[in-house]
Structures are given as structure tokens and as C-alpha cells.
C-alpha atoms as a PDB file:
ATOM      1  CA  UNK A   1       5.924  35.253 -12.870  1.00  0.00           C
ATOM      2  CA  UNK A   2       6.916  36.582  -9.472  1.00  0.00           C
ATOM      3  CA  UNK A   3       5.162  35.027  -6.466  1.00  0.00           C
ATOM      4  CA  UNK A   4       3.825  38.471  -5.420  1.00  0.00           C
ATOM      5  CA  UNK A   5       1.938  38.786  -8.730  1.00  0.00           C
ATOM      6  CA  UNK A   6       0.104  35.482  -8.395  1.00  0.00           C
ATOM      7  CA  UNK A   7      -3.296  35.619 -10.057  1.00  0.00           C
ATOM      8  CA  UNK A   8      -6.387  34.117  -8.452  1.00  0.00           C
ATOM      9  CA  UNK A   9      -7.388  30.635  -9.513  1.00  0.00           C
ATOM     10  CA  UNK A  10      -9.454  30.622 -12.701  1.00  0.00           C
ATOM     11  CA  UNK A  11     -12.854  29.562 -11.366  1.00  0.00           C
ATOM     12  CA  UNK A  12     -16.384  30.354 -12.419  1.00  0.00           C
ATOM     13  CA  UNK A  13     -16.793  32.487  -9.295  1.00  0.00           C
ATOM     14  CA  UNK A  14     -13.599  34.449 -10.064  1.00  0.00           C
ATOM     15  CA  UNK A  15     -14.919  35.027 -13.601  1.00  0.00           C
ATOM     16  CA  UNK A  16     -18.230  36.354 -12.243  1.00  0.00           C
ATOM     17  CA  UNK A  17     -16.421  38.602  -9.738  1.00  0.00           C
ATOM     18  CA  UNK A  18     -14.299  39.941 -12.619  1.00  0.00           C
ATOM     19  CA  UNK A  19     -17.392  40.807 -14.646  1.00  0.00           C
ATOM     20  CA  UNK A  20     -18.936  42.386 -11.543  1.00  0.00           C
ATOM     21  CA  UNK A  21     -15.861  44.579 -11.035  1.00  0.00           C
ATOM     22  CA  UNK A  22     -15.917  45.613 -14.678  1.00  0.00           C
ATOM     23  CA  UNK A  23     -19.591  46.564 -14.456  1.00  0.00           C
ATOM     24  CA  UNK A  24     -19.016  48.524 -11.225  1.00  0.00           C
ATOM     25  CA  UNK A  25     -16.209  50.482 -12.898  1.00  0.00           C
ATOM     26  CA  UNK A  26     -18.448  51.273 -15.868  1.00  0.00           C
ATOM     27  CA  UNK A  27     -21.309  52.245 -13.560  1.00  0.00           C
ATOM     28  CA  UNK A  28     -18.972  54.780 -11.938  1.00  0.00           C
ATOM     29  CA  UNK A  29     -19.229  53.080  -8.542  1.00  0.00           C
ATOM     30  CA  UNK A  30     -15.555  52.173  -8.199  1.00  0.00           C
ATOM     31  CA  UNK A  31     -12.440  53.731  -9.693  1.00  0.00           C
ATOM     32  CA  UNK A  32     -10.959  52.418 -12.896  1.00  0.00           C
ATOM     33  CA  UNK A  33      -7.720  50.773 -11.741  1.00  0.00           C
ATOM     34  CA  UNK A  34      -5.926  52.055 -14.858  1.00  0.00           C
ATOM     35  CA  UNK A  35      -6.798  55.721 -14.280  1.00  0.00           C
ATOM     36  CA  UNK A  36      -7.760  55.847 -10.589  1.00  0.00           C
ATOM     37  CA  UNK A  37     -10.838  57.843 -11.638  1.00  0.00           C
ATOM     38  CA  UNK A  38     -14.561  57.147 -11.538  1.00  0.00           C
ATOM     39  CA  UNK A  39     -16.110  57.435 -14.979  1.00  0.00           C
ATOM     40  CA  UNK A  40     -19.575  56.281 -16.067  1.00  0.00           C
ATOM     41  CA  UNK A  41     -20.018  54.343 -19.275  1.00  0.00           C
ATOM     42  CA  UNK A  42     -23.593  53.097 -18.979  1.00  0.00           C
ATOM     43  CA  UNK A  43     -23.729  51.382 -22.408  1.00  0.00           C
ATOM     44  CA  UNK A  44     -20.649  49.330 -21.513  1.00  0.00           C
ATOM     45  CA  UNK A  45     -22.085  48.578 -18.060  1.00  0.00           C
ATOM     46  CA  UNK A  46     -25.310  47.385 -19.720  1.00  0.00           C
ATOM     47  CA  UNK A  47     -23.333  45.143 -22.060  1.00  0.00           C
ATOM     48  CA  UNK A  48     -21.626  43.496 -19.084  1.00  0.00           C
ATOM     49  CA  UNK A  49     -24.973  43.057 -17.336  1.00  0.00           C
ATOM     50  CA  UNK A  50     -26.372  41.520 -20.533  1.00  0.00           C
ATOM     51  CA  UNK A  51     -23.422  39.080 -20.585  1.00  0.00           C
ATOM     52  CA  UNK A  52     -24.302  38.033 -17.033  1.00  0.00           C
ATOM     53  CA  UNK A  53     -27.946  37.539 -18.074  1.00  0.00           C
ATOM     54  CA  UNK A  54     -26.731  35.344 -20.938  1.00  0.00           C
ATOM     55  CA  UNK A  55     -24.600  33.332 -18.510  1.00  0.00           C
ATOM     56  CA  UNK A  56     -27.636  32.722 -16.280  1.00  0.00           C
ATOM     57  CA  UNK A  57     -29.532  31.368 -19.285  1.00  0.00           C
ATOM     58  CA  UNK A  58     -26.686  29.337 -20.816  1.00  0.00           C
ATOM     59  CA  UNK A  59     -25.502  27.761 -17.559  1.00  0.00           C
ATOM     60  CA  UNK A  60     -28.952  26.851 -16.209  1.00  0.00           C
ATOM     61  CA  UNK A  61     -28.715  23.414 -14.586  1.00  0.00           C
ATOM     62  CA  UNK A  62     -24.913  23.305 -14.774  1.00  0.00           C
ATOM     63  CA  UNK A  63     -23.907  25.364 -11.739  1.00  0.00           C
ATOM     64  CA  UNK A  64     -23.563  24.503  -8.090  1.00  0.00           C
ATOM     65  CA  UNK A  65     -26.134  26.140  -5.813  1.00  0.00           C
ATOM     66  CA  UNK A  66     -23.416  28.498  -4.559  1.00  0.00           C
ATOM     67  CA  UNK A  67     -22.385  29.519  -8.093  1.00  0.00           C
ATOM     68  CA  UNK A  68     -26.002  30.071  -9.131  1.00  0.00           C
ATOM     69  CA  UNK A  69     -26.698  32.122  -6.010  1.00  0.00           C
ATOM     70  CA  UNK A  70     -23.560  34.212  -6.559  1.00  0.00           C
ATOM     71  CA  UNK A  71     -24.407  34.867 -10.214  1.00  0.00           C
ATOM     72  CA  UNK A  72     -28.036  35.766  -9.558  1.00  0.00           C
ATOM     73  CA  UNK A  73     -27.160  37.934  -6.542  1.00  0.00           C
ATOM     74  CA  UNK A  74     -24.524  39.911  -8.416  1.00  0.00           C
ATOM     75  CA  UNK A  75     -26.821  40.308 -11.405  1.00  0.00           C
ATOM     76  CA  UNK A  76     -29.660  41.588  -9.210  1.00  0.00           C
ATOM     77  CA  UNK A  77     -27.399  44.127  -7.495  1.00  0.00           C
ATOM     78  CA  UNK A  78     -25.926  45.367 -10.779  1.00  0.00           C
ATOM     79  CA  UNK A  79     -29.382  45.783 -12.304  1.00  0.00           C
ATOM     80  CA  UNK A  80     -30.524  47.832  -9.291  1.00  0.00           C
ATOM     81  CA  UNK A  81     -27.454  50.085  -9.520  1.00  0.00           C
ATOM     82  CA  UNK A  82     -27.889  50.450 -13.287  1.00  0.00           C
ATOM     83  CA  UNK A  83     -31.512  51.597 -12.901  1.00  0.00           C
ATOM     84  CA  UNK A  84     -30.474  54.178 -10.287  1.00  0.00           C
ATOM     85  CA  UNK A  85     -27.612  55.477 -12.448  1.00  0.00           C
ATOM     86  CA  UNK A  86     -29.715  55.984 -15.595  1.00  0.00           C
END
């Protein structure tokens, strides 16, 4: 792999940011990097939000305070956007 194409370290936070980006694409907030277009897919956005809810439940007691705060903050923001976009 070329040095310019270095991927971010695989961390829990990077995973959560990836899910956040996916949800934002499906909410039509940011452009899909594959098409450079904004397209809403609310059922897919809801599925990603539901995955984040599951992660909150399944990781309870196993995250650092920073990871828990990040996860809950992103989940709150996505839920607020989802409600507005419905």
C-alpha cells in the first residue's frame, strides 16, 4: 500500500466515526463519496443509528469515559437529525 493511502488506525473511535459518516450520508447531510451527491435513505440511516444504540448497550461498562462520551454524543446528534429529516 502506498504511504499516501494510509488508513487511520483501527480504533473504537475510528469505528464510531465511520458509522457516523455512513449515517450522515444516508441522512442526506453529506455527499456520498462514491457519487458526490446527497441522497436520503432514511431506512438505512435508521439501521445505522440502531447499530449505534446496540453498541451503547453491548459495550456498557467496557469503554473509556472518552469513548462512551463520543458514542453517546454522536448517537444523540444523529437521532436529532433523523427526527428532523423524517
